[in-house]
């Protein structure tokens, strides 16, 4: 039966995504490798967009209305966003999920989804 569950359901649904995004952005904002990219960003709006995006990406309800990845990140690429920064984000996301006791198999699935956005995030 668990084969029928989406990744969204397997990680704990909306409550888990909400908790993960809150912890994730605390990690990101304290990560010297990437925090500068969030200067001046309305983090409440950013977190809300991220929650709806991850919910959609993990197979939950599709309520994401943000920009596509290339449009949403083009200004950051102009500021130097590169592979090392994407690596840092994926690392922070994995650490967040471990903190929430998500299993390594599910973390690997989340990392694969995040990795699948790399070229769009980097506008290439």
Protein backbone atom coordinates (compact mmCIF):
# COMPACT_ATOMS: atom_id res chain seq x y z
CA UNK A 1 0.00 0.00 0.00
CA UNK A 2 2.82 2.42 0.79
CA UNK A 3 3.84 2.22 -2.89
CA UNK A 4 0.71 4.28 -3.62
CA UNK A 5 1.71 7.11 -1.32
CA UNK A 6 3.34 10.18 -2.84
CA UNK A 7 6.65 11.43 -1.48
CA UNK A 8 4.61 14.30 -0.01
CA UNK A 9 2.55 11.82 2.00
CA UNK A 10 5.54 9.66 2.93
CA UNK A 11 7.40 12.56 4.52
CA UNK A 12 4.35 13.59 6.54
CA UNK A 13 2.28 15.89 4.33
CA UNK A 14 1.67 19.59 4.84
CA UNK A 15 2.81 19.72 8.46
CA UNK A 16 6.14 18.10 7.58
CA UNK A 17 6.73 20.40 4.59
CA UNK A 18 5.88 23.45 6.71
CA UNK A 19 8.28 22.36 9.47
CA UNK A 20 11.00 21.48 6.96
CA UNK A 21 10.82 24.83 5.15
CA UNK A 22 10.99 26.76 8.42
CA UNK A 23 14.06 24.80 9.58
CA UNK A 24 15.58 24.88 6.09
CA UNK A 25 15.50 28.68 5.86
CA UNK A 26 17.02 29.02 9.33
CA UNK A 27 19.88 26.86 8.06
CA UNK A 28 20.15 28.76 4.76
CA UNK A 29 20.19 32.17 6.45
CA UNK A 30 22.99 31.06 8.76
CA UNK A 31 24.97 29.41 5.93
CA UNK A 32 27.73 31.84 4.89
CA UNK A 33 27.99 30.11 1.50
CA UNK A 34 24.48 31.19 0.42
CA UNK A 35 22.91 33.60 2.92
CA UNK A 36 23.89 36.69 0.89
CA UNK A 37 21.49 35.64 -1.87
CA UNK A 38 18.60 36.17 0.57
CA UNK A 39 19.48 39.71 1.66
CA UNK A 40 16.46 41.94 1.26
CA UNK A 41 14.13 39.00 0.57
CA UNK A 42 10.74 38.90 2.30
CA UNK A 43 11.33 35.56 4.00
CA UNK A 44 7.66 35.03 4.91
CA UNK A 45 6.72 35.27 1.23
CA UNK A 46 9.75 33.19 0.23
CA UNK A 47 8.86 30.45 2.72
CA UNK A 48 5.25 30.38 1.53
CA UNK A 49 6.39 30.02 -2.10
CA UNK A 50 8.84 27.29 -1.15
CA UNK A 51 6.19 25.37 0.80
CA UNK A 52 3.81 25.38 -2.15
CA UNK A 53 6.60 24.49 -4.58
CA UNK A 54 7.88 21.56 -2.50
CA UNK A 55 4.34 20.32 -1.94
CA UNK A 56 3.83 20.23 -5.71
CA UNK A 57 7.31 18.78 -6.42
CA UNK A 58 6.74 15.99 -3.88
CA UNK A 59 3.40 14.98 -5.40
CA UNK A 60 1.03 16.87 -3.11
CA UNK A 61 -1.65 19.42 -4.04
CA UNK A 62 -0.57 21.73 -6.87
CA UNK A 63 -0.99 25.28 -5.57
CA UNK A 64 2.35 26.70 -6.72
CA UNK A 65 1.95 30.02 -8.52
CA UNK A 66 5.52 31.32 -8.39
CA UNK A 67 7.81 32.07 -11.30
CA UNK A 68 9.37 29.22 -13.18
CA UNK A 69 12.84 28.25 -11.98
CA UNK A 70 14.76 30.14 -14.67
CA UNK A 71 12.83 33.40 -14.24
CA UNK A 72 12.88 33.11 -10.48
CA UNK A 73 16.63 32.66 -10.27
CA UNK A 74 18.00 34.64 -13.25
CA UNK A 75 18.78 37.68 -11.08
CA UNK A 76 20.73 35.43 -8.69
CA UNK A 77 22.74 33.88 -11.52
CA UNK A 78 23.68 37.45 -12.51
CA UNK A 79 24.94 37.87 -8.93
CA UNK A 80 27.12 34.76 -9.23
CA UNK A 81 24.84 31.85 -8.26
CA UNK A 82 26.63 28.67 -9.33
CA UNK A 83 26.88 24.92 -8.75
CA UNK A 84 28.56 25.33 -5.36
CA UNK A 85 25.56 27.32 -4.13
CA UNK A 86 23.09 24.71 -5.41
CA UNK A 87 25.19 22.06 -3.65
CA UNK A 88 24.93 24.07 -0.41
CA UNK A 89 21.14 24.33 -0.73
CA UNK A 90 20.79 20.59 -1.33
CA UNK A 91 23.11 19.92 1.62
CA UNK A 92 21.06 22.21 3.89
CA UNK A 93 17.86 20.52 2.71
CA UNK A 94 19.25 17.08 3.55
CA UNK A 95 20.39 18.26 6.99
CA UNK A 96 16.92 19.70 7.59
CA UNK A 97 15.23 16.42 6.75
CA UNK A 98 17.66 14.45 8.93
CA UNK A 99 16.82 16.83 11.80
CA UNK A 100 13.16 15.90 11.25
CA UNK A 101 14.05 12.18 11.31
CA UNK A 102 13.14 11.60 7.66
CA UNK A 103 14.58 8.31 6.39
CA UNK A 104 17.65 8.33 4.16
CA UNK A 105 15.69 6.70 1.32
CA UNK A 106 13.23 9.60 1.30
CA UNK A 107 16.03 12.16 1.68
CA UNK A 108 17.64 10.63 -1.41
CA UNK A 109 14.36 11.07 -3.32
CA UNK A 110 14.12 14.70 -2.18
CA UNK A 111 17.77 15.30 -3.18
CA UNK A 112 17.09 13.80 -6.62
CA UNK A 113 14.14 16.16 -7.12
CA UNK A 114 16.25 19.13 -6.00
CA UNK A 115 19.08 18.00 -8.28
CA UNK A 116 16.65 17.80 -11.21
CA UNK A 117 16.10 21.57 -10.94
CA UNK A 118 19.82 22.49 -11.03
CA UNK A 119 20.05 23.42 -14.72
CA UNK A 120 16.89 25.53 -14.59
CA UNK A 121 17.97 27.27 -11.37
CA UNK A 122 21.31 28.05 -12.99
CA UNK A 123 19.59 29.16 -16.22
CA UNK A 124 21.50 26.78 -18.48
